Amino acid sequence: MGIDVRQGESARDLEVLTFGLEGETFAVEAESVREILDLVAVTAVPNSRPFVNALINVRGKVVPLADLHIRFGMAPFSQSVDTRVVVIEVPLEGEPTTIGIIADKVFEVTSLAAASMEEAPDIGLKWRREFIAGIGKRDQDFVIILDMEHIFATQGAETVGQPEDDATERH
């Protein structure tokens, strides 16, 4: 599941689900989304990864629940009437894996034009570049297209602060 943000004939428009985290607009490929749920009962899992520290029941199936707020160095989510769980399927170690991610608010499924997408810049990001598949522009707003496979597969630091904090990992 790679996102091609190159310009030119090989680039394609991308269908995404947009959602909010602390006022920022993020997106995941719409084809990876299985369903969107109201926040359901959560079971904490002791000694688990800090950003994937709970389980939920999705139609009788146990699904890990991730809080991207923690992964991105934000304050843990605060439940509101708009809080949703986006159930996605991500390839991990070659196997499709179902994961729930918490969103402050889900906006819409939309198409981002190939011409509006660019690679993440090397500087100026709050998050590690490898977690960003690209930056799209919709109307006057930027949409951060996440690389969910890298977010869940990457070992090491559980929170992601400024990219400068991780400079030693990139060299």
Protein backbone atom coordinates (compact mmCIF):
# COMPACT_ATOMS: atom_id res chain seq x y z
CA MET A 1 0.00 0.00 0.00
CA GLY A 2 2.23 2.83 -1.17
CA ILE A 3 1.11 6.32 -1.96
CA ASP A 4 2.66 7.86 -5.07
CA VAL A 5 3.05 11.60 -4.56
CA ARG A 6 5.22 12.15 -7.63
CA GLN A 7 4.01 14.60 -10.24
CA GLY A 8 3.45 13.46 -13.81
CA GLU A 9 1.52 10.89 -15.75
CA SER A 10 2.13 8.04 -13.29
CA ALA A 11 0.64 10.02 -10.38
CA ARG A 12 -2.97 9.29 -9.48
CA ASP A 13 -5.69 10.98 -7.49
CA LEU A 14 -6.05 9.50 -4.03
CA GLU A 15 -9.27 8.68 -2.20
CA VAL A 16 -8.75 9.38 1.50
CA LEU A 17 -10.65 9.55 4.76
CA THR A 18 -9.84 12.80 6.54
CA PHE A 19 -9.92 13.15 10.30
CA GLY A 20 -8.74 15.55 12.96
CA LEU A 21 -6.22 15.27 15.78
CA GLU A 22 -5.68 18.37 17.91
CA GLY A 23 -6.76 20.73 15.14
CA GLU A 24 -4.61 19.15 12.41
CA THR A 25 -6.17 17.38 9.43
CA PHE A 26 -4.79 13.92 8.69
CA ALA A 27 -5.77 11.36 6.07
CA VAL A 28 -5.54 7.63 5.48
CA GLU A 29 -6.19 5.86 2.22
CA ALA A 30 -9.92 5.21 1.99
CA GLU A 31 -9.33 1.67 0.73
CA SER A 32 -7.74 0.77 4.09
CA VAL A 33 -10.79 1.91 6.11
CA ARG A 34 -13.12 -0.88 7.22
CA GLU A 35 -15.57 1.12 9.34
CA ILE A 36 -16.02 4.13 11.58
CA LEU A 37 -17.41 3.63 15.09
CA ASP A 38 -18.45 5.71 18.05
CA LEU A 39 -16.00 5.20 20.90
CA VAL A 40 -16.79 1.81 22.43
CA ALA A 41 -15.77 0.09 25.67
CA VAL A 42 -11.99 -0.06 25.88
CA THR A 43 -9.92 -2.71 27.69
CA ALA A 44 -6.49 -1.53 28.79
CA VAL A 45 -3.55 -3.86 28.13
CA PRO A 46 -0.79 -3.66 30.77
CA ASN A 47 2.84 -3.55 29.57
CA SER A 48 1.88 -2.79 25.97
CA ARG A 49 3.27 -0.15 23.62
CA PRO A 50 2.18 3.24 24.98
CA PHE A 51 0.34 4.30 21.85
CA VAL A 52 -1.34 0.91 21.33
CA ASN A 53 -2.34 0.14 24.89
CA ALA A 54 -5.93 -1.05 24.61
CA LEU A 55 -8.28 -3.47 22.88
CA ILE A 56 -11.81 -3.04 21.59
CA ASN A 57 -14.47 -5.45 20.41
CA VAL A 58 -15.43 -4.91 16.77
CA ARG A 59 -18.25 -7.25 15.77
CA GLY A 60 -16.90 -10.04 17.98
CA LYS A 61 -13.27 -9.58 16.92
CA VAL A 62 -10.59 -8.30 19.30
CA VAL A 63 -8.91 -5.26 17.73
CA PRO A 64 -5.94 -3.27 19.08
CA LEU A 65 -6.73 0.41 19.65
CA ALA A 66 -4.09 3.05 18.88
CA ASP A 67 -3.96 6.61 20.13
CA LEU A 68 -2.00 8.54 17.49
CA HIS A 69 -2.01 11.52 19.83
CA ILE A 70 0.59 9.66 21.91
CA ARG A 71 2.53 8.44 18.87
CA PHE A 72 2.83 12.03 17.65
CA GLY A 73 3.81 13.49 21.01
CA MET A 74 0.43 15.15 21.65
CA ALA A 75 -1.57 14.92 24.84
CA PRO A 76 -3.58 11.66 25.04
CA PHE A 77 -7.03 11.94 23.49
CA SER A 78 -9.84 13.52 25.40
CA GLN A 79 -13.22 12.02 24.62
CA SER A 80 -15.89 14.29 23.15
CA VAL A 81 -19.16 13.80 21.27
CA ASP A 82 -17.12 13.84 18.03
CA THR A 83 -14.57 11.17 19.07
CA ARG A 84 -14.58 8.21 16.69
CA VAL A 85 -12.68 5.00 16.15
CA VAL A 86 -11.52 4.48 12.57
CA VAL A 87 -11.03 0.77 11.94
CA ILE A 88 -8.36 0.25 9.29
CA GLU A 89 -6.46 -2.64 7.79
CA VAL A 90 -2.68 -2.22 7.67
CA PRO A 91 -0.13 -4.68 6.27
CA LEU A 92 2.28 -5.56 9.09
CA GLU A 93 5.07 -8.03 8.39
CA GLY A 94 3.24 -8.99 5.21
CA GLU A 95 -0.04 -9.80 6.95
CA PRO A 96 -3.20 -7.65 6.83
CA THR A 97 -3.84 -6.45 10.39
CA THR A 98 -6.99 -4.76 11.66
CA ILE A 99 -6.35 -1.80 13.98
CA GLY A 100 -8.57 0.89 15.46
CA ILE A 101 -7.28 4.45 15.62
CA ILE A 102 -8.83 7.22 17.69
CA ALA A 103 -9.84 10.40 15.89
CA ASP A 104 -10.99 13.61 17.57
CA LYS A 105 -13.35 14.02 14.64
CA VAL A 106 -13.91 12.30 11.30
CA PHE A 107 -14.50 14.71 8.43
CA GLU A 108 -15.13 13.00 5.10
CA VAL A 109 -14.01 10.69 2.35
CA THR A 110 -12.61 12.86 -0.38
CA SER A 111 -10.32 12.77 -3.38
CA LEU A 112 -6.98 14.54 -3.33
CA ALA A 113 -5.80 15.49 -6.80
CA ALA A 114 -2.41 14.07 -7.72
CA ALA A 115 -1.29 17.58 -8.65
CA SER A 116 -2.01 18.78 -5.09
CA MET A 117 0.18 16.16 -3.37
CA GLU A 118 3.85 16.52 -2.49
CA GLU A 119 6.41 14.61 -0.50
CA ALA A 120 6.85 15.68 3.10
CA PRO A 121 9.55 18.33 3.42
CA ASP A 122 12.79 17.53 5.25
CA ILE A 123 12.30 20.42 7.66
CA GLY A 124 9.37 22.14 9.30
CA LEU A 125 7.41 19.05 10.34
CA LYS A 126 6.21 18.25 13.84
CA TRP A 127 6.34 14.52 13.08
CA ARG A 128 8.92 12.10 11.76
CA ARG A 129 9.07 12.33 7.99
CA GLU A 130 8.86 8.56 7.48
CA PHE A 131 5.40 8.57 9.08
CA ILE A 132 4.12 11.00 6.45
CA ALA A 133 3.34 9.55 3.02
CA GLY A 134 2.73 13.02 1.62
CA ILE A 135 1.10 16.38 2.03
CA GLY A 136 -2.04 17.14 0.05
CA LYS A 137 -3.87 20.38 -0.39
CA ARG A 138 -7.64 20.61 -0.31
CA ASP A 139 -9.17 24.05 -0.78
CA GLN A 140 -6.91 26.27 1.36
CA ASP A 141 -5.97 23.57 3.89
CA PHE A 142 -3.11 21.09 4.03
CA VAL A 143 -3.91 17.42 4.63
CA ILE A 144 -1.22 15.22 6.15
CA ILE A 145 -1.39 11.81 4.48
CA LEU A 146 -0.18 9.20 6.97
CA ASP A 147 1.89 6.13 6.18
CA MET A 148 0.11 3.80 8.59
CA GLU A 149 2.37 0.85 7.82
CA HIS A 150 5.45 2.78 9.01
CA ILE A 151 3.66 4.23 12.02
CA PHE A 152 2.81 0.77 13.33
CA ALA A 153 5.88 -1.14 12.12
CA THR A 154 8.55 1.24 13.41
CA GLN A 155 10.19 0.13 16.61
CA GLY A 156 11.94 2.44 19.02
CA ALA A 157 10.64 5.72 20.38
CA GLU A 158 6.96 5.51 21.18
CA THR A 159 6.29 9.20 20.87
CA VAL A 160 7.33 11.37 18.03
CA GLY A 161 8.48 14.84 18.87
CA GLN A 162 10.29 17.24 16.63
CA PRO A 163 12.20 15.52 13.82
CA GLU A 164 15.42 17.00 15.17
CA ASP A 165 14.96 14.76 18.23
CA ASP A 166 15.33 11.76 15.96
CA ALA A 167 18.32 12.97 13.90
CA THR A 168 20.51 10.09 15.01
CA GLU A 169 18.00 7.55 13.70
CA ARG A 170 18.17 8.93 10.15
CA HIS A 171 21.95 8.86 9.71
